[in-house]
Amino acid sequence: MHFGYEPGRAVLDGVTLTVRRGSTVALVGPTGSGKTTLVEVVAGLLEPSSGRVAVQPGARRLVFQEPFLFSGPIKDNLSLWADVDGATHERALTIASAGFVHELGDGINTVVGERGVSLSGGQRQRVALARAVIAEPAVLLLDDTTSALDPSTEREVLANLRRQLAGVTTLMVASRPSTISLADEVVYFDHGRVAGQGPHRELLARLPAYRHLVEAYERDRATERVEPADADGDADAELNANVAEVGHG
């Protein structure tokens, strides 16, 4: 499969990829290697220049790192004004580890400003993830969606997705070693091509370029200014990271 935004300049160059249904796959690679473009193609936002994408039947939900929440009650942000019962809301919040919603002034009826300005970065990410879960997707696409969560909360969220959404295929763009290590399998991208696919430890052992990239991620995490986690498990309560979502039935 090929894709390019401009003629003669391929962003995805001959990508061939098979993902096992129900697995959690981390998409890893340097900036500009095609990871986000791939999830947008899988989501149906972009059409391949050549080749095709075969996706299992069912809804696809894409949750970006920088999302959008609407001005209004959290309840409506979750359901997008559809008729959704309380049990469905609660299940989605539990899977997304978003129990903090019940501690807000009016709980699930709490009104948030446009883009969720009254919530922290990690809270916005979890609300948007819960919104995606409500759709009961067959394929869940996460573009660095848990970047504002501390590692412990991130592990909890991914464990919930595995346990509660059995059979859902999850593709997640990841740049945190803690996230990458939680995946069943890693797909390593380089210059728009799949340069390796397999378990994280296996790729570390046999692909020097992959190992060097992961080591660079680890150095970045060690040297960056670390903000204390807030009471809701956000790695940085001031992080300006929103989550947006696109749905395809």
Protein backbone atom coordinates (compact mmCIF):
# COMPACT_ATOMS: atom_id res chain seq x y z
CA MET A 1 0.00 0.00 0.00
CA HIS A 2 1.21 3.48 -0.89
CA PHE A 3 0.12 6.95 0.19
CA GLY A 4 1.46 10.42 -0.51
CA TYR A 5 0.16 13.91 0.10
CA GLU A 6 2.00 15.12 -3.00
CA PRO A 7 2.74 13.31 -6.28
CA GLY A 8 6.11 11.61 -6.21
CA ARG A 9 6.55 11.98 -2.44
CA ALA A 10 5.41 8.82 -0.66
CA VAL A 11 4.65 8.99 3.05
CA LEU A 12 3.76 5.29 3.10
CA ASP A 13 5.92 3.44 0.62
CA GLY A 14 4.98 -0.16 -0.06
CA VAL A 15 3.55 -0.91 3.38
CA THR A 16 2.43 -4.50 3.83
CA LEU A 17 1.07 -5.25 7.26
CA THR A 18 -1.05 -8.00 8.78
CA VAL A 19 -2.46 -7.51 12.28
CA ARG A 20 -4.03 -10.32 14.26
CA ARG A 21 -7.64 -9.62 15.21
CA GLY A 22 -7.99 -8.72 18.89
CA SER A 23 -4.33 -7.85 19.37
CA THR A 24 -2.79 -4.64 20.67
CA VAL A 25 -0.12 -3.33 18.31
CA ALA A 26 2.26 -0.42 18.93
CA LEU A 27 3.31 1.64 15.90
CA VAL A 28 6.81 2.97 16.56
CA GLY A 29 9.20 5.03 14.48
CA PRO A 30 10.98 8.36 14.12
CA THR A 31 9.01 11.55 13.54
CA GLY A 32 7.71 11.61 9.98
CA SER A 33 8.01 7.86 9.43
CA GLY A 34 4.31 7.45 8.58
CA LYS A 35 2.73 6.18 11.80
CA THR A 36 -0.07 8.73 12.11
CA THR A 37 -0.70 8.62 8.37
CA LEU A 38 -1.21 4.86 8.63
CA VAL A 39 -3.84 5.10 11.37
CA GLU A 40 -5.64 7.80 9.37
CA VAL A 41 -5.67 5.51 6.33
CA VAL A 42 -6.97 2.61 8.43
CA ALA A 43 -9.62 4.91 9.89
CA GLY A 44 -10.79 5.80 6.41
CA LEU A 45 -9.80 9.47 6.63
CA LEU A 46 -7.28 9.05 3.82
CA GLU A 47 -7.46 6.92 0.68
CA PRO A 48 -4.34 4.96 -0.34
CA SER A 49 -2.66 6.09 -3.53
CA SER A 50 -2.44 2.42 -4.44
CA GLY A 51 -3.18 -0.85 -2.71
CA ARG A 52 -5.97 -1.42 -0.23
CA VAL A 53 -6.78 -1.74 3.45
CA ALA A 54 -8.89 -4.69 4.59
CA VAL A 55 -10.43 -3.98 8.00
CA GLN A 56 -12.58 -6.33 10.04
CA PRO A 57 -16.31 -5.48 9.93
CA GLY A 58 -17.59 -3.07 12.55
CA ALA A 59 -17.05 0.48 13.71
CA ARG A 60 -13.64 2.13 13.68
CA ARG A 61 -12.80 4.81 16.21
CA LEU A 62 -9.77 7.07 16.02
CA VAL A 63 -8.69 9.04 19.10
CA PHE A 64 -6.00 11.64 18.50
CA GLN A 65 -3.48 13.00 20.97
CA GLU A 66 -5.00 16.45 20.61
CA PRO A 67 -8.77 16.04 20.85
CA PHE A 68 -11.84 18.16 20.90
CA LEU A 69 -14.48 18.24 23.61
CA PHE A 70 -17.68 20.17 23.07
CA SER A 71 -18.96 22.90 25.34
CA GLY A 72 -21.62 21.17 27.39
CA PRO A 73 -22.16 18.33 29.87
CA ILE A 74 -19.66 15.49 29.97
CA LYS A 75 -22.61 13.14 29.42
CA ASP A 76 -23.26 14.67 25.98
CA ASN A 77 -19.57 14.63 25.15
CA LEU A 78 -19.58 10.90 25.79
CA SER A 79 -22.75 9.99 23.90
CA LEU A 80 -22.65 12.77 21.26
CA TRP A 81 -26.30 13.39 22.14
CA ALA A 82 -27.37 9.85 21.33
CA ASP A 83 -29.75 7.96 23.61
CA VAL A 84 -27.27 6.10 25.84
CA ASP A 85 -28.22 4.59 29.19
CA GLY A 86 -26.37 5.14 32.43
CA ALA A 87 -24.87 1.65 32.52
CA THR A 88 -23.24 2.20 29.13
CA HIS A 89 -21.80 5.51 30.28
CA GLU A 90 -20.45 3.91 33.43
CA ARG A 91 -18.85 1.00 31.58
CA ALA A 92 -17.07 3.38 29.21
CA LEU A 93 -15.81 5.57 32.05
CA THR A 94 -14.54 2.50 33.90
CA ILE A 95 -12.65 1.18 30.87
CA ALA A 96 -11.06 4.60 30.32
CA SER A 97 -10.18 4.90 34.04
CA ALA A 98 -12.22 8.11 34.10
CA GLY A 99 -13.85 7.69 37.50
CA PHE A 100 -12.75 11.24 38.32
CA VAL A 101 -15.92 12.37 36.50
CA HIS A 102 -18.02 11.33 39.49
CA GLU A 103 -15.95 13.60 41.75
CA LEU A 104 -16.70 16.72 39.72
CA GLY A 105 -19.36 19.17 40.91
CA ASP A 106 -22.26 17.68 38.95
CA GLY A 107 -20.71 14.35 38.09
CA ILE A 108 -21.44 13.21 34.55
CA ASN A 109 -23.66 16.28 34.09
CA THR A 110 -20.77 18.67 34.79
CA VAL A 111 -20.52 21.27 32.03
CA VAL A 112 -17.09 21.71 30.45
CA GLY A 113 -16.01 24.56 28.23
CA GLU A 114 -15.19 24.21 24.56
CA ARG A 115 -12.16 21.91 24.06
CA GLY A 116 -12.63 20.80 27.67
CA VAL A 117 -10.72 23.77 29.08
CA SER A 118 -11.89 23.06 32.63
CA LEU A 119 -10.28 19.61 32.59
CA SER A 120 -6.62 18.62 32.72
CA GLY A 121 -4.90 17.05 29.73
CA GLY A 122 -5.16 13.50 31.05
CA GLN A 123 -8.80 13.98 32.00
CA ARG A 124 -9.67 15.17 28.51
CA GLN A 125 -7.87 12.20 27.00
CA ARG A 126 -9.79 9.74 29.14
CA VAL A 127 -13.16 11.35 28.40
CA ALA A 128 -12.43 11.13 24.67
CA LEU A 129 -11.33 7.51 25.00
CA ALA A 130 -14.54 6.70 26.88
CA ARG A 131 -16.48 8.32 24.03
CA ALA A 132 -14.76 6.00 21.56
CA VAL A 133 -15.47 2.96 23.75
CA ILE A 134 -19.22 3.70 23.84
CA ALA A 135 -19.35 2.99 20.10
CA GLU A 136 -18.19 -0.59 20.75
CA PRO A 137 -15.61 -0.41 17.95
CA ALA A 138 -14.13 -3.39 16.19
CA VAL A 139 -10.96 -1.40 15.59
CA LEU A 140 -9.62 1.20 18.03
CA LEU A 141 -6.94 3.56 16.72
CA LEU A 142 -4.96 5.57 19.27
CA ASP A 143 -2.57 8.30 18.16
CA ASP A 144 -0.44 8.78 21.29
CA THR A 145 -3.73 9.03 23.14
CA THR A 146 -2.36 8.25 26.62
CA SER A 147 0.53 10.73 26.43
CA ALA A 148 -0.79 12.86 29.32
CA LEU A 149 -1.25 9.93 31.71
CA ASP A 150 1.29 8.69 34.21
CA PRO A 151 2.63 5.17 33.50
CA SER A 152 0.51 3.54 36.22
CA THR A 153 -2.76 4.98 34.90
CA GLU A 154 -1.70 4.18 31.34
CA ARG A 155 -1.14 0.52 32.26
CA GLU A 156 -4.55 0.45 33.92
CA VAL A 157 -6.26 1.89 30.84
CA LEU A 158 -4.60 -0.55 28.43
CA ALA A 159 -5.34 -3.48 30.74
CA ASN A 160 -9.00 -2.41 30.85
CA LEU A 161 -9.13 -2.25 27.06
CA ARG A 162 -7.76 -5.78 26.80
CA ARG A 163 -10.06 -7.21 29.44
CA GLN A 164 -13.29 -5.39 28.63
CA LEU A 165 -12.96 -5.14 24.85
CA ALA A 166 -11.93 -8.66 23.99
CA GLY A 167 -11.78 -9.11 20.25
CA VAL A 168 -11.18 -5.40 19.58
CA THR A 169 -8.06 -4.75 17.50
CA THR A 170 -6.06 -1.82 18.85
CA LEU A 171 -3.41 0.06 16.87
CA MET A 172 -1.61 2.69 18.91
CA VAL A 173 1.05 5.16 17.86
CA ALA A 174 3.48 5.14 20.77
CA SER A 175 6.61 7.05 21.75
CA ARG A 176 6.86 6.13 25.42
CA PRO A 177 8.82 2.98 26.29
CA SER A 178 6.25 2.14 28.97
CA THR A 179 3.51 2.14 26.34
CA ILE A 180 5.49 0.20 23.75
CA SER A 181 6.30 -2.58 26.19
CA LEU A 182 2.60 -3.19 26.91
CA ALA A 183 1.76 -4.09 23.31
CA ASP A 184 1.40 -7.66 22.05
CA GLU A 185 3.44 -6.71 19.03
CA VAL A 186 5.39 -3.75 17.68
CA VAL A 187 5.51 -2.50 14.09
CA TYR A 188 8.64 -0.41 13.50
CA PHE A 189 8.41 2.22 10.76
CA ASP A 190 11.31 3.92 9.02
CA HIS A 191 10.96 6.31 6.06
CA GLY A 192 7.43 5.17 5.32
CA ARG A 193 8.22 1.47 5.30
CA VAL A 194 7.73 -1.36 7.76
CA ALA A 195 11.29 -2.03 8.90
CA GLY A 196 10.38 -4.66 11.48
CA GLN A 197 7.47 -6.40 13.16
CA GLY A 198 7.40 -8.59 16.23
CA PRO A 199 7.47 -8.57 20.04
CA HIS A 200 9.20 -5.58 21.63
CA ARG A 201 12.04 -7.60 23.18
CA GLU A 202 12.67 -9.44 19.93
CA LEU A 203 12.99 -6.20 17.96
CA LEU A 204 15.34 -4.78 20.59
CA ALA A 205 17.58 -7.79 20.14
CA ARG A 206 17.70 -7.92 16.34
CA LEU A 207 17.19 -4.35 15.08
CA PRO A 208 19.90 -1.87 16.16
CA ALA A 209 17.99 1.10 14.73
CA TYR A 210 14.90 0.18 16.76
CA ARG A 211 16.97 -0.29 19.91
CA HIS A 212 18.64 3.09 19.42
CA LEU A 213 15.26 4.78 18.95
CA VAL A 214 13.83 3.24 22.12
CA GLU A 215 16.99 4.21 24.03
CA ALA A 216 16.53 7.78 22.76
CA TYR A 217 12.93 7.73 24.01
CA GLU A 218 14.17 6.56 27.40
CA ARG A 219 16.76 9.36 27.55
CA ASP A 220 14.13 11.91 26.61
CA ARG A 221 11.84 10.72 29.38
CA ALA A 222 14.69 10.77 31.89
CA THR A 223 15.87 14.29 31.07
CA GLU A 224 12.60 16.12 30.47
CA ARG A 225 11.14 18.24 33.23
CA VAL A 226 8.79 15.96 35.17
CA GLU A 227 5.59 17.44 36.53
CA PRO A 228 4.06 15.81 39.64
CA ALA A 229 1.07 13.64 38.86
CA ASP A 230 -2.21 15.14 39.96
CA ALA A 231 -4.86 13.28 41.91
CA ASP A 232 -6.34 11.91 38.71
CA GLY A 233 -3.19 10.26 37.40
CA ASP A 234 -2.10 12.91 34.89
CA ALA A 235 1.61 13.07 34.20
CA ASP A 236 1.25 16.80 33.65
CA ALA A 237 -1.92 18.51 34.80
CA GLU A 238 -1.07 21.55 32.68
CA LEU A 239 -0.37 19.63 29.47
CA ASN A 240 -2.35 21.18 26.66
CA ALA A 241 -3.31 17.85 25.07
CA ASN A 242 -6.86 17.40 23.84
CA VAL A 243 -8.34 14.27 22.25
CA ALA A 244 -10.39 14.26 19.05
CA GLU A 245 -12.35 11.47 17.57
CA VAL A 246 -13.61 10.39 14.21
CA GLY A 247 -16.12 7.57 13.86
CA HIS A 248 -16.77 5.30 10.91
CA GLY A 249 -19.52 2.68 10.96
